[in-house]
Amino acid sequence: MIKHIVFFNLADNAEGKSKAENAAYIKAELEALKNLIPQIITIEVGINHPEAPAGNYDISLYTEFASSDDLDAYQTHPEHKRVATYIAKVKTDRACVDYEV
């Protein structure tokens, strides 16, 4: 199994939305991929708690896939690319770890 974990920081304002609006939009769009991309076993998107330390990332994405090939299929899927294109417009930073268990 491959676990794919990504963290994003978002701009305060981008694409005509506040950081909070973009975070909620991204969460909904990413979670909707579960019904569109069959390779996703698990997907969870978290928005950083308002009382958390200022240095935390704004959004976390946790996904599980059966194999590296399934992760690749997810990353190249047109619906994932659509969401990723939006995220690229509003993010200021990204960190990612992929590991096998």
PDB file of N, CA and C in Angstrom:
ATOM      1  N   MET A   1       0.843  -1.176   0.000  1.00  0.00           N
ATOM      2  CA  MET A   1       0.000   0.000   0.000  1.00  0.00           C
ATOM      3  C   MET A   1       0.889   1.240   0.000  1.00  0.00           C
ATOM      4  N   ILE A   2       0.473   2.232  -0.777  1.00  0.00           N
ATOM      5  CA  ILE A   2       1.177   3.513  -0.858  1.00  0.00           C
ATOM      6  C   ILE A   2       0.339   4.571  -0.161  1.00  0.00           C
ATOM      7  N   LYS A   3       0.975   5.299   0.737  1.00  0.00           N
ATOM      8  CA  LYS A   3       0.325   6.439   1.387  1.00  0.00           C
ATOM      9  C   LYS A   3       0.930   7.712   0.795  1.00  0.00           C
ATOM     10  N   HIS A   4       0.055   8.616   0.420  1.00  0.00           N
ATOM     11  CA  HIS A   4       0.428   9.876  -0.234  1.00  0.00           C
ATOM     12  C   HIS A   4      -0.110  10.998   0.646  1.00  0.00           C
ATOM     13  N   ILE A   5       0.802  11.751   1.254  1.00  0.00           N
ATOM     14  CA  ILE A   5       0.426  12.803   2.187  1.00  0.00           C
ATOM     15  C   ILE A   5       0.986  14.130   1.672  1.00  0.00           C
ATOM     16  N   VAL A   6       0.104  15.107   1.553  1.00  0.00           N
ATOM     17  CA  VAL A   6       0.492  16.406   1.008  1.00  0.00           C
ATOM     18  C   VAL A   6      -0.002  17.504   1.952  1.00  0.00           C
ATOM     19  N   PHE A   7       0.814  18.536   2.098  1.00  0.00           N
ATOM     20  CA  PHE A   7       0.444  19.720   2.874  1.00  0.00           C
ATOM     21  C   PHE A   7       0.541  20.937   1.969  1.00  0.00           C
ATOM     22  N   PHE A   8      -0.430  21.837   2.110  1.00  0.00           N
ATOM     23  CA  PHE A   8      -0.446  23.067   1.326  1.00  0.00           C
ATOM     24  C   PHE A   8      -0.590  24.273   2.246  1.00  0.00           C
ATOM     25  N   ASN A   9       0.103  25.347   1.897  1.00  0.00           N
ATOM     26  CA  ASN A   9      -0.179  26.671   2.439  1.00  0.00           C
ATOM     27  C   ASN A   9      -0.863  27.452   1.328  1.00  0.00           C
ATOM     28  N   LEU A  10      -1.810  28.279   1.702  1.00  0.00           N
ATOM     29  CA  LEU A  10      -2.591  29.030   0.731  1.00  0.00           C
ATOM     30  C   LEU A  10      -2.350  30.529   0.886  1.00  0.00           C
ATOM     31  N   ALA A  11      -2.508  31.229  -0.226  1.00  0.00           N
ATOM     32  CA  ALA A  11      -2.433  32.690  -0.202  1.00  0.00           C
ATOM     33  C   ALA A  11      -3.612  33.237   0.604  1.00  0.00           C
ATOM     34  N   ASP A  12      -3.435  34.400   1.203  1.00  0.00           N
ATOM     35  CA  ASP A  12      -4.518  35.009   1.973  1.00  0.00           C
ATOM     36  C   ASP A  12      -5.739  35.287   1.109  1.00  0.00           C
ATOM     37  N   ASN A  13      -5.493  35.681  -0.124  1.00  0.00           N
ATOM     38  CA  ASN A  13      -6.559  35.910  -1.111  1.00  0.00           C
ATOM     39  C   ASN A  13      -6.039  35.478  -2.468  1.00  0.00           C
ATOM     40  N   ALA A  14      -6.848  34.692  -3.200  1.00  0.00           N
ATOM     41  CA  ALA A  14      -6.468  34.255  -4.539  1.00  0.00           C
ATOM     42  C   ALA A  14      -7.718  33.791  -5.281  1.00  0.00           C
ATOM     43  N   GLU A  15      -7.732  34.016  -6.571  1.00  0.00           N
ATOM     44  CA  GLU A  15      -8.853  33.605  -7.418  1.00  0.00           C
ATOM     45  C   GLU A  15     -10.182  34.167  -6.903  1.00  0.00           C
ATOM     46  N   GLY A  16     -10.118  35.373  -6.322  1.00  0.00           N
ATOM     47  CA  GLY A  16     -11.318  36.038  -5.853  1.00  0.00           C
ATOM     48  C   GLY A  16     -11.904  35.486  -4.565  1.00  0.00           C
ATOM     49  N   LYS A  17     -11.124  34.654  -3.854  1.00  0.00           N
ATOM     50  CA  LYS A  17     -11.610  34.043  -2.614  1.00  0.00           C
ATOM     51  C   LYS A  17     -10.604  34.265  -1.490  1.00  0.00           C
ATOM     52  N   SER A  18     -11.115  34.242  -0.264  1.00  0.00           N
ATOM     53  CA  SER A  18     -10.246  34.309   0.908  1.00  0.00           C
ATOM     54  C   SER A  18      -9.568  32.956   1.110  1.00  0.00           C
ATOM     55  N   LYS A  19      -8.585  32.920   1.983  1.00  0.00           N
ATOM     56  CA  LYS A  19      -7.912  31.664   2.318  1.00  0.00           C
ATOM     57  C   LYS A  19      -8.915  30.622   2.815  1.00  0.00           C
ATOM     58  N   ALA A  20      -9.815  31.035   3.697  1.00  0.00           N
ATOM     59  CA  ALA A  20     -10.812  30.103   4.242  1.00  0.00           C
ATOM     60  C   ALA A  20     -11.736  29.576   3.152  1.00  0.00           C
ATOM     61  N   GLU A  21     -12.150  30.442   2.243  1.00  0.00           N
ATOM     62  CA  GLU A  21     -13.022  30.012   1.138  1.00  0.00           C
ATOM     63  C   GLU A  21     -12.292  29.040   0.217  1.00  0.00           C
ATOM     64  N   ASN A  22     -11.032  29.340  -0.086  1.00  0.00           N
ATOM     65  CA  ASN A  22     -10.262  28.432  -0.934  1.00  0.00           C
ATOM     66  C   ASN A  22     -10.015  27.100  -0.241  1.00  0.00           C
ATOM     67  N   ALA A  23      -9.738  27.121   1.045  1.00  0.00           N
ATOM     68  CA  ALA A  23      -9.519  25.873   1.781  1.00  0.00           C
ATOM     69  C   ALA A  23     -10.769  24.994   1.728  1.00  0.00           C
ATOM     70  N   ALA A  24     -11.930  25.578   1.966  1.00  0.00           N
ATOM     71  CA  ALA A  24     -13.185  24.818   1.925  1.00  0.00           C
ATOM     72  C   ALA A  24     -13.459  24.287   0.518  1.00  0.00           C
ATOM     73  N   TYR A  25     -13.194  25.100  -0.488  1.00  0.00           N
ATOM     74  CA  TYR A  25     -13.400  24.682  -1.881  1.00  0.00           C
ATOM     75  C   TYR A  25     -12.473  23.517  -2.233  1.00  0.00           C
ATOM     76  N   ILE A  26     -11.203  23.647  -1.888  1.00  0.00           N
ATOM     77  CA  ILE A  26     -10.227  22.597  -2.183  1.00  0.00           C
ATOM     78  C   ILE A  26     -10.593  21.304  -1.458  1.00  0.00           C
ATOM     79  N   LYS A  27     -10.988  21.410  -0.202  1.00  0.00           N
ATOM     80  CA  LYS A  27     -11.401  20.227   0.562  1.00  0.00           C
ATOM     81  C   LYS A  27     -12.533  19.497  -0.159  1.00  0.00           C
ATOM     82  N   ALA A  28     -13.555  20.228  -0.542  1.00  0.00           N
ATOM     83  CA  ALA A  28     -14.704  19.619  -1.223  1.00  0.00           C
ATOM     84  C   ALA A  28     -14.299  18.991  -2.558  1.00  0.00           C
ATOM     85  N   GLU A  29     -13.484  19.699  -3.314  1.00  0.00           N
ATOM     86  CA  GLU A  29     -13.057  19.194  -4.629  1.00  0.00           C
ATOM     87  C   GLU A  29     -12.190  17.941  -4.501  1.00  0.00           C
ATOM     88  N   LEU A  30     -11.256  17.941  -3.551  1.00  0.00           N
ATOM     89  CA  LEU A  30     -10.409  16.764  -3.362  1.00  0.00           C
ATOM     90  C   LEU A  30     -11.220  15.572  -2.868  1.00  0.00           C
ATOM     91  N   GLU A  31     -12.098  15.796  -1.911  1.00  0.00           N
ATOM     92  CA  GLU A  31     -12.890  14.685  -1.379  1.00  0.00           C
ATOM     93  C   GLU A  31     -13.824  14.106  -2.430  1.00  0.00           C
ATOM     94  N   ALA A  32     -14.285  14.926  -3.364  1.00  0.00           N
ATOM     95  CA  ALA A  32     -15.154  14.448  -4.446  1.00  0.00           C
ATOM     96  C   ALA A  32     -14.421  13.492  -5.395  1.00  0.00           C
ATOM     97  N   LEU A  33     -13.089  13.548  -5.408  1.00  0.00           N
ATOM     98  CA  LEU A  33     -12.323  12.655  -6.284  1.00  0.00           C
ATOM     99  C   LEU A  33     -12.525  11.184  -5.929  1.00  0.00           C
ATOM    100  N   LYS A  34     -12.895  10.899  -4.686  1.00  0.00           N
ATOM    101  CA  LYS A  34     -13.121   9.513  -4.252  1.00  0.00           C
ATOM    102  C   LYS A  34     -14.156   8.828  -5.143  1.00  0.00           C
ATOM    103  N   ASN A  35     -15.169   9.569  -5.578  1.00  0.00           N
ATOM    104  CA  ASN A  35     -16.221   9.008  -6.422  1.00  0.00           C
ATOM    105  C   ASN A  35     -15.880   9.036  -7.905  1.00  0.00           C
ATOM    106  N   LEU A  36     -14.762   9.652  -8.253  1.00  0.00           N
ATOM    107  CA  LEU A  36     -14.392   9.816  -9.656  1.00  0.00           C
ATOM    108  C   LEU A  36     -13.164   9.020 -10.067  1.00  0.00           C
ATOM    109  N   ILE A  37     -12.314   8.689  -9.099  1.00  0.00           N
ATOM    110  CA  ILE A  37     -11.051   7.991  -9.400  1.00  0.00           C
ATOM    111  C   ILE A  37     -11.043   6.684  -8.620  1.00  0.00           C
ATOM    112  N   PRO A  38     -11.248   5.562  -9.307  1.00  0.00           N
ATOM    113  CA  PRO A  38     -11.409   4.286  -8.602  1.00  0.00           C
ATOM    114  C   PRO A  38     -10.172   3.805  -7.851  1.00  0.00           C
ATOM    115  N   GLN A  39      -9.015   4.310  -8.173  1.00  0.00           N
ATOM    116  CA  GLN A  39      -7.783   3.871  -7.508  1.00  0.00           C
ATOM    117  C   GLN A  39      -7.656   4.396  -6.076  1.00  0.00           C
ATOM    118  N   ILE A  40      -8.426   5.391  -5.712  1.00  0.00           N
ATOM    119  CA  ILE A  40      -8.354   5.945  -4.356  1.00  0.00           C
ATOM    120  C   ILE A  40      -9.010   4.966  -3.394  1.00  0.00           C
ATOM    121  N   ILE A  41      -8.230   4.477  -2.430  1.00  0.00           N
ATOM    122  CA  ILE A  41      -8.775   3.621  -1.375  1.00  0.00           C
ATOM    123  C   ILE A  41      -9.335   4.501  -0.261  1.00  0.00           C
ATOM    124  N   THR A  42      -8.532   5.451   0.169  1.00  0.00           N
ATOM    125  CA  THR A  42      -8.903   6.363   1.250  1.00  0.00           C
ATOM    126  C   THR A  42      -8.469   7.769   0.868  1.00  0.00           C
ATOM    127  N   ILE A  43      -9.321   8.731   1.191  1.00  0.00           N
ATOM    128  CA  ILE A  43      -8.933  10.131   1.033  1.00  0.00           C
ATOM    129  C   ILE A  43      -9.499  10.909   2.216  1.00  0.00           C
ATOM    130  N   GLU A  44      -8.657  11.734   2.795  1.00  0.00           N
ATOM    131  CA  GLU A  44      -9.066  12.581   3.912  1.00  0.00           C
ATOM    132  C   GLU A  44      -8.392  13.927   3.732  1.00  0.00           C
ATOM    133  N   VAL A  45      -9.161  14.984   3.852  1.00  0.00           N
ATOM    134  CA  VAL A  45      -8.629  16.338   3.707  1.00  0.00           C
ATOM    135  C   VAL A  45      -8.950  17.103   4.984  1.00  0.00           C
ATOM    136  N   GLY A  46      -7.924  17.695   5.578  1.00  0.00           N
ATOM    137  CA  GLY A  46      -8.113  18.465   6.795  1.00  0.00           C
ATOM    138  C   GLY A  46      -7.706  19.908   6.596  1.00  0.00           C
ATOM    139  N   ILE A  47      -8.486  20.791   7.186  1.00  0.00           N
ATOM    140  CA  ILE A  47      -8.160  22.223   7.195  1.00  0.00           C
ATOM    141  C   ILE A  47      -7.621  22.544   8.580  1.00  0.00           C
ATOM    142  N   ASN A  48      -6.491  23.199   8.627  1.00  0.00           N
ATOM    143  CA  ASN A  48      -5.840  23.516   9.894  1.00  0.00           C
ATOM    144  C   ASN A  48      -6.800  24.240  10.834  1.00  0.00           C
ATOM    145  N   HIS A  49      -6.779  23.837  12.072  1.00  0.00           N
ATOM    146  CA  HIS A  49      -7.650  24.426  13.095  1.00  0.00           C
ATOM    147  C   HIS A  49      -7.270  25.893  13.310  1.00  0.00           C
ATOM    148  N   PRO A  50      -8.256  26.776  13.456  1.00  0.00           N
ATOM    149  CA  PRO A  50      -7.957  28.204  13.614  1.00  0.00           C
ATOM    150  C   PRO A  50      -7.081  28.540  14.822  1.00  0.00           C
ATOM    151  N   GLU A  51      -7.094  27.700  15.850  1.00  0.00           N
ATOM    152  CA  GLU A  51      -6.295  27.968  17.045  1.00  0.00           C
ATOM    153  C   GLU A  51      -4.936  27.261  17.007  1.00  0.00           C
ATOM    154  N   ALA A  52      -4.624  26.584  15.912  1.00  0.00           N
ATOM    155  CA  ALA A  52      -3.345  25.893  15.785  1.00  0.00           C
ATOM    156  C   ALA A  52      -2.219  26.914  15.592  1.00  0.00           C
ATOM    157  N   PRO A  53      -0.981  26.508  15.846  1.00  0.00           N
ATOM    158  CA  PRO A  53       0.146  27.430  15.671  1.00  0.00           C
ATOM    159  C   PRO A  53       0.212  28.010  14.259  1.00  0.00           C
ATOM    160  N   ALA A  54       0.653  29.245  14.176  1.00  0.00           N
ATOM    161  CA  ALA A  54       0.705  29.972  12.910  1.00  0.00           C
ATOM    162  C   ALA A  54       1.609  29.299  11.879  1.00  0.00           C
ATOM    163  N   GLY A  55       2.596  28.550  12.298  1.00  0.00           N
ATOM    164  CA  GLY A  55       3.524  27.908  11.364  1.00  0.00           C
ATOM    165  C   GLY A  55       2.995  26.656  10.700  1.00  0.00           C
ATOM    166  N   ASN A  56       1.820  26.191  11.106  1.00  0.00           N
ATOM    167  CA  ASN A  56       1.237  24.985  10.506  1.00  0.00           C
ATOM    168  C   ASN A  56       0.838  25.233   9.053  1.00  0.00           C
ATOM    169  N   TYR A  57       0.760  24.162   8.291  1.00  0.00           N
ATOM    170  CA  TYR A  57       0.218  24.249   6.942  1.00  0.00           C
ATOM    171  C   TYR A  57      -1.293  24.447   7.033  1.00  0.00           C
ATOM    172  N   ASP A  58      -1.870  24.979   5.948  1.00  0.00           N
ATOM    173  CA  ASP A  58      -3.299  25.287   5.930  1.00  0.00           C
ATOM    174  C   ASP A  58      -4.181  24.064   5.642  1.00  0.00           C
ATOM    175  N   ILE A  59      -3.708  23.165   4.796  1.00  0.00           N
ATOM    176  CA  ILE A  59      -4.492  21.991   4.386  1.00  0.00           C
ATOM    177  C   ILE A  59      -3.605  20.768   4.387  1.00  0.00           C
ATOM    178  N   SER A  60      -4.179  19.635   4.815  1.00  0.00           N
ATOM    179  CA  SER A  60      -3.487  18.355   4.667  1.00  0.00           C
ATOM    180  C   SER A  60      -4.349  17.441   3.807  1.00  0.00           C
ATOM    181  N   LEU A  61      -3.681  16.646   2.980  1.00  0.00           N
ATOM    182  CA  LEU A  61      -4.332  15.640   2.146  1.00  0.00           C
ATOM    183  C   LEU A  61      -3.693  14.300   2.464  1.00  0.00           C
ATOM    184  N   TYR A  62      -4.522  13.335   2.860  1.00  0.00           N
ATOM    185  CA  TYR A  62      -4.050  11.981   3.155  1.00  0.00           C
ATOM    186  C   TYR A  62      -4.787  11.026   2.224  1.00  0.00           C
ATOM    187  N   THR A  63      -4.031  10.257   1.431  1.00  0.00           N
ATOM    188  CA  THR A  63      -4.648   9.290   0.529  1.00  0.00           C
ATOM    189  C   THR A  63      -3.893   7.964   0.607  1.00  0.00           C
ATOM    190  N   GLU A  64      -4.624   6.894   0.289  1.00  0.00           N
ATOM    191  CA  GLU A  64      -4.036   5.555   0.229  1.00  0.00           C
ATOM    192  C   GLU A  64      -4.359   4.931  -1.118  1.00  0.00           C
ATOM    193  N   PHE A  65      -3.358   4.209  -1.652  1.00  0.00           N
ATOM    194  CA  PHE A  65      -3.477   3.516  -2.931  1.00  0.00           C
ATOM    195  C   PHE A  65      -2.881   2.118  -2.800  1.00  0.00           C
ATOM    196  N   ALA A  66      -3.380   1.185  -3.582  1.00  0.00           N
ATOM    197  CA  ALA A  66      -2.898  -0.195  -3.512  1.00  0.00           C
ATOM    198  C   ALA A  66      -1.469  -0.326  -4.015  1.00  0.00           C
ATOM    199  N   SER A  67      -1.060   0.555  -4.937  1.00  0.00           N
ATOM    200  CA  SER A  67       0.265   0.422  -5.551  1.00  0.00           C
ATOM    201  C   SER A  67       0.747   1.771  -6.078  1.00  0.00           C
ATOM    202  N   SER A  68       2.006   1.809  -6.452  1.00  0.00           N
ATOM    203  CA  SER A  68       2.560   3.010  -7.084  1.00  0.00           C
ATOM    204  C   SER A  68       1.866   3.288  -8.414  1.00  0.00           C
ATOM    205  N   ASP A  69       1.507   2.231  -9.129  1.00  0.00           N
ATOM    206  CA  ASP A  69       0.782   2.414 -10.394  1.00  0.00           C
ATOM    207  C   ASP A  69      -0.561   3.088 -10.159  1.00  0.00           C
ATOM    208  N   ASP A  70      -1.241   2.724  -9.067  1.00  0.00           N
ATOM    209  CA  ASP A  70      -2.515   3.362  -8.749  1.00  0.00           C
ATOM    210  C   ASP A  70      -2.322   4.827  -8.375  1.00  0.00           C
ATOM    211  N   LEU A  71      -1.253   5.140  -7.651  1.00  0.00           N
ATOM    212  CA  LEU A  71      -0.943   6.534  -7.336  1.00  0.00           C
ATOM    213  C   LEU A  71      -0.685   7.306  -8.627  1.00  0.00           C
ATOM    214  N   ASP A  72       0.059   6.714  -9.545  1.00  0.00           N
ATOM    215  CA  ASP A  72       0.322   7.361 -10.838  1.00  0.00           C
ATOM    216  C   ASP A  72      -0.970   7.598 -11.612  1.00  0.00           C
ATOM    217  N   ALA A  73      -1.876   6.607 -11.586  1.00  0.00           N
ATOM    218  CA  ALA A  73      -3.157   6.754 -12.286  1.00  0.00           C
ATOM    219  C   ALA A  73      -3.957   7.916 -11.694  1.00  0.00           C
ATOM    220  N   TYR A  74      -3.914   8.038 -10.380  1.00  0.00           N
ATOM    221  CA  TYR A  74      -4.584   9.155  -9.685  1.00  0.00           C
ATOM    222  C   TYR A  74      -3.982  10.485 -10.120  1.00  0.00           C
ATOM    223  N   GLN A  75      -2.668  10.564 -10.118  1.00  0.00           N
ATOM    224  CA  GLN A  75      -2.007  11.834 -10.403  1.00  0.00           C
ATOM    225  C   GLN A  75      -2.173  12.276 -11.849  1.00  0.00           C
ATOM    226  N   THR A  76      -2.397  11.338 -12.751  1.00  0.00           N
ATOM    227  CA  THR A  76      -2.560  11.690 -14.164  1.00  0.00           C
ATOM    228  C   THR A  76      -4.031  11.736 -14.593  1.00  0.00           C
ATOM    229  N   HIS A  77      -4.934  11.416 -13.685  1.00  0.00           N
ATOM    230  CA  HIS A  77      -6.368  11.439 -13.999  1.00  0.00           C
ATOM    231  C   HIS A  77      -6.797  12.883 -14.293  1.00  0.00           C
ATOM    232  N   PRO A  78      -7.607  13.092 -15.316  1.00  0.00           N
ATOM    233  CA  PRO A  78      -8.037  14.461 -15.666  1.00  0.00           C
ATOM    234  C   PRO A  78      -8.721  15.215 -14.523  1.00  0.00           C
ATOM    235  N   GLU A  79      -9.497  14.538 -13.699  1.00  0.00           N
ATOM    236  CA  GLU A  79     -10.156  15.228 -12.589  1.00  0.00           C
ATOM    237  C   GLU A  79      -9.152  15.672 -11.525  1.00  0.00           C
ATOM    238  N   HIS A  80      -8.146  14.835 -11.264  1.00  0.00           N
ATOM    239  CA  HIS A  80      -7.095  15.252 -10.326  1.00  0.00           C
ATOM    240  C   HIS A  80      -6.329  16.436 -10.896  1.00  0.00           C
ATOM    241  N   LYS A  81      -6.011  16.374 -12.172  1.00  0.00           N
ATOM    242  CA  LYS A  81      -5.281  17.476 -12.802  1.00  0.00           C
ATOM    243  C   LYS A  81      -6.082  18.776 -12.745  1.00  0.00           C
ATOM    244  N   ARG A  82      -7.403  18.690 -12.889  1.00  0.00           N
ATOM    245  CA  ARG A  82      -8.250  19.870 -12.816  1.00  0.00           C
ATOM    246  C   ARG A  82      -8.146  20.514 -11.429  1.00  0.00           C
ATOM    247  N   VAL A  83      -8.253  19.696 -10.387  1.00  0.00           N
ATOM    248  CA  VAL A  83      -8.160  20.219  -9.019  1.00  0.00           C
ATOM    249  C   VAL A  83      -6.748  20.742  -8.744  1.00  0.00           C
ATOM    250  N   ALA A  84      -5.744  19.998  -9.198  1.00  0.00           N
ATOM    251  CA  ALA A  84      -4.353  20.410  -8.986  1.00  0.00           C
ATOM    252  C   ALA A  84      -4.053  21.750  -9.668  1.00  0.00           C
ATOM    253  N   THR A  85      -4.651  21.980 -10.815  1.00  0.00           N
ATOM    254  CA  THR A  85      -4.461  23.254 -11.515  1.00  0.00           C
ATOM    255  C   THR A  85      -5.003  24.406 -10.679  1.00  0.00           C
ATOM    256  N   TYR A  86      -6.164  24.195 -10.056  1.00  0.00           N
ATOM    257  CA  TYR A  86      -6.717  25.236  -9.187  1.00  0.00           C
ATOM    258  C   TYR A  86      -5.820  25.458  -7.970  1.00  0.00           C
ATOM    259  N   ILE A  87      -5.403  24.361  -7.348  1.00  0.00           N
ATOM    260  CA  ILE A  87      -4.547  24.479  -6.162  1.00  0.00           C
ATOM    261  C   ILE A  87      -3.272  25.256  -6.501  1.00  0.00           C
ATOM    262  N   ALA A  88      -2.697  24.994  -7.663  1.00  0.00           N
ATOM    263  CA  ALA A  88      -1.472  25.685  -8.074  1.00  0.00           C
ATOM    264  C   ALA A  88      -1.669  27.197  -8.134  1.00  0.00           C
ATOM    265  N   LYS A  89      -2.882  27.633  -8.417  1.00  0.00           N
ATOM    266  CA  LYS A  89      -3.172  29.066  -8.507  1.00  0.00           C
ATOM    267  C   LYS A  89      -3.297  29.733  -7.143  1.00  0.00           C
ATOM    268  N   VAL A  90      -3.588  28.952  -6.097  1.00  0.00           N
ATOM    269  CA  VAL A  90      -3.870  29.558  -4.789  1.00  0.00           C
ATOM    270  C   VAL A  90      -2.869  29.166  -3.700  1.00  0.00           C
ATOM    271  N   LYS A  91      -1.998  28.231  -3.972  1.00  0.00           N
ATOM    272  CA  LYS A  91      -1.046  27.777  -2.949  1.00  0.00           C
ATOM    273  C   LYS A  91       0.188  28.656  -2.938  1.00  0.00           C
ATOM    274  N   THR A  92       0.809  28.721  -1.776  1.00  0.00           N
ATOM    275  CA  THR A  92       2.089  29.412  -1.657  1.00  0.00           C
ATOM    276  C   THR A  92       3.208  28.436  -1.342  1.00  0.00           C
ATOM    277  N   ASP A  93       2.850  27.246  -0.874  1.00  0.00           N
ATOM    278  CA  ASP A  93       3.851  26.248  -0.496  1.00  0.00           C
ATOM    279  C   ASP A  93       3.216  24.868  -0.519  1.00  0.00           C
ATOM    280  N   ARG A  94       4.048  23.849  -0.744  1.00  0.00           N
ATOM    281  CA  ARG A  94       3.582  22.462  -0.776  1.00  0.00           C
ATOM    282  C   ARG A  94       4.690  21.573  -0.241  1.00  0.00           C
ATOM    283  N   ALA A  95       4.290  20.554   0.520  1.00  0.00           N
ATOM    284  CA  ALA A  95       5.211  19.509   0.961  1.00  0.00           C
ATOM    285  C   ALA A  95       4.503  18.184   0.761  1.00  0.00           C
ATOM    286  N   CYS A  96       5.282  17.141   0.428  1.00  0.00           N
ATOM    287  CA  CYS A  96       4.665  15.853   0.133  1.00  0.00           C
ATOM    288  C   CYS A  96       5.574  14.713   0.563  1.00  0.00           C
ATOM    289  N   VAL A  97       4.943  13.619   1.001  1.00  0.00           N
ATOM    290  CA  VAL A  97       5.656  12.373   1.295  1.00  0.00           C
ATOM    291  C   VAL A  97       4.818  11.237   0.740  1.00  0.00           C
ATOM    292  N   ASP A  98       5.458  10.333   0.006  1.00  0.00           N
ATOM    293  CA  ASP A  98       4.841   9.089  -0.458  1.00  0.00           C
ATOM    294  C   ASP A  98       5.641   7.949   0.150  1.00  0.00           C
ATOM    295  N   TYR A  99       4.966   7.018   0.805  1.00  0.00           N
ATOM    296  CA  TYR A  99       5.692   5.897   1.370  1.00  0.00           C
ATOM    297  C   TYR A  99       4.870   4.625   1.293  1.00  0.00           C
ATOM    298  N   GLU A 100       5.577   3.517   1.359  1.00  0.00           N
ATOM    299  CA  GLU A 100       4.950   2.201   1.224  1.00  0.00           C
ATOM    300  C   GLU A 100       4.876   1.528   2.597  1.00  0.00           C
ATOM    301  N   VAL A 101       3.756   0.883   2.862  1.00  0.00           N
ATOM    302  CA  VAL A 101       3.601   0.131   4.110  1.00  0.00           C
ATOM    303  C   VAL A 101       3.234  -1.305   3.810  1.00  0.00           C
TER     304      VAL A 101
END
